[in-house]
Amino acid sequence: MRCSVVAVGTELLLGQIVDTNSSWIGERLAAHGISSLLQVKVGDNHQRIVDVVRSALVEADAVIMCGGLGPTHDDLTREAIAEVMGVELVLHEDIAQVIREMFESRGRRMADNNLQQAMVPVGATVIHQTRGTAPGLICPVGDKVIYAVPGVPHEMQDMMERAILPDLRARAGEAGVIVSRVIRTWGESESGLNERLNPVINELEKIGNPTLAFLASGWEGIKVRLTAQRADEQQAHALLDQWQGKVHDLVGEVIFGFDTETMESVVLDILRSRGLTLGLAESVTGGLVSGRLSAIPGASDVLRGCVVSYASEVKYDLLGVPRGPVVTEAAAVAMAQGACRVLGSDVGLSLTGVAGPTEQEGQAVGTVCVGIALPGEPAFATTLRMPGQRDQMRQMSVISALDVLRRRLLAT
């Protein structure tokens, strides 16, 4: 069973409303073992809607239309479906009465155009409204089907759960789920990751289940998504476990987390599991690392605080950095040690560097020195080279520095 989603509304094309409905529908389809073929947006134009739906039905077994079921002149979904079906629209008096009673119960006058919502294509099944005035529709087109739901999210979700997903499962004739797992990596390019994972990719192309895809996510890293289809979630997760292991065998050192984990949440979890607290000294990033860490609920039991030592004098006077160049590994070490002392933390992490637009102290734009102080270990620093313009360089520095700390912690 292959299903496509058509979101109707010119406001979606203009960016006035973000189409969260399609992503929600895609997630629910996957959870019920229904394959998503495509998702498309179309404006409030009768012929364009008809053309898009007809095109979608060429390859899809089902099309879910979201929006365009209201009472105004630009709500054209019913008329478009009727044309695709080759039938007329007829007034359903029982729906009309429900709409009248809704207005009466609220003490409001009903405009006559609300009865447009009671017009139904001949041969369609009505999904009765429980949360709004517009009913949904189940419309057969030969051996295929069009579903229509309102664009209001809570109305759409109610009809999806109550009527459309059960109908799709019945038409599919078999139970199943689609489950995805995201493997999150940092430290390897997308092309390099692809090359290293070629043995797994080639094997998966032969068997087809699960599938593997890459998603480059800027300073959140590169995500490797495994998607498995099985009869139930337990079987799907078992299959994902198997292939996650194969991915780990090839690129394990760049994997830092899974699914919704972030680099900052992973680092906090490692520190928390060891009973360690963290103090930060940031120069080039100006508090970005602290901001990312403190955005995680519960971070206060690990994160002691941050010294934003942007000026060199703050590095010298507060953190005890020796006077002289401040974009060096020696300065980064002193900053990390100073953070532990000033903030009373077990672990210190520091960043000093050059974000641009010009070089500093003979160091090129994109240079960042990361310092780490760990209890019972010699202080450590390393120099990294970040790409991009100023903002990109600073954001890349955040996740890169946290990754250096993560690796250092795991190595001790």
Foldseek 3Di string as FASTA:
>chain_A
DEEEEEEEAVCCVVVVDPQPVRVVVCQVCQFFQYHYDYYYYDYLDLVVVLVVVVVVVVPGQEYEYEALLALDPSSCPQVSLLVLQVFFWDADVVLVVVLVVVCVVVVHDDDPSRSSLRIHTPPWDWQHFDDDSHIKIWHDRDSGIYIYFYNPRVRRVVCCVPPVSVVVSVSVVATKHKDKKKFFFDDADPVRLCVLCVVVQVVCVVVVAWHWDWDADQLQGIIIMTMGMDRHPVVRVVVVVVSVVVSCVRVVLGTQDMDPDTLLNSLLVLCVVVQFAEFEEEALLQCPLVVVNVVDPPSVSHYQYYHHPNDVVCLCPQQPQPPDDCQDLSSQQSNQNSRCVVRVTQKGKYKDDALDPAHDPPHGHQKIKIWMDHPPDPIDIDIDGADDHRVSSSSNVSSVSSSVVVVVSVVD
